[in-house]
């Protein structure tokens, strides 16, 4: 994340990061499944809460690791 690596100013961009993280959290199902993940391919289609792909979980975990680093004192 740009804030963690000193590329983006924390005070300017932190509100956007917080909104984005809240949006990602809302995509988690009660079962732990990550929903709203678009199919792989060149032809985007609509998605729903039950749509998931393996790569979506990886992207979510990468974002989570950056959030954890951001929260470290």
Foldseek 3Di string as FASTA:
>chain_A
DCCLVVNDDCVVCVVVLVVVLVVQVVLADPVRARFPDFDDDDDTDGGDSPDDDPVVVVVNVVSVVVVVSVPDD
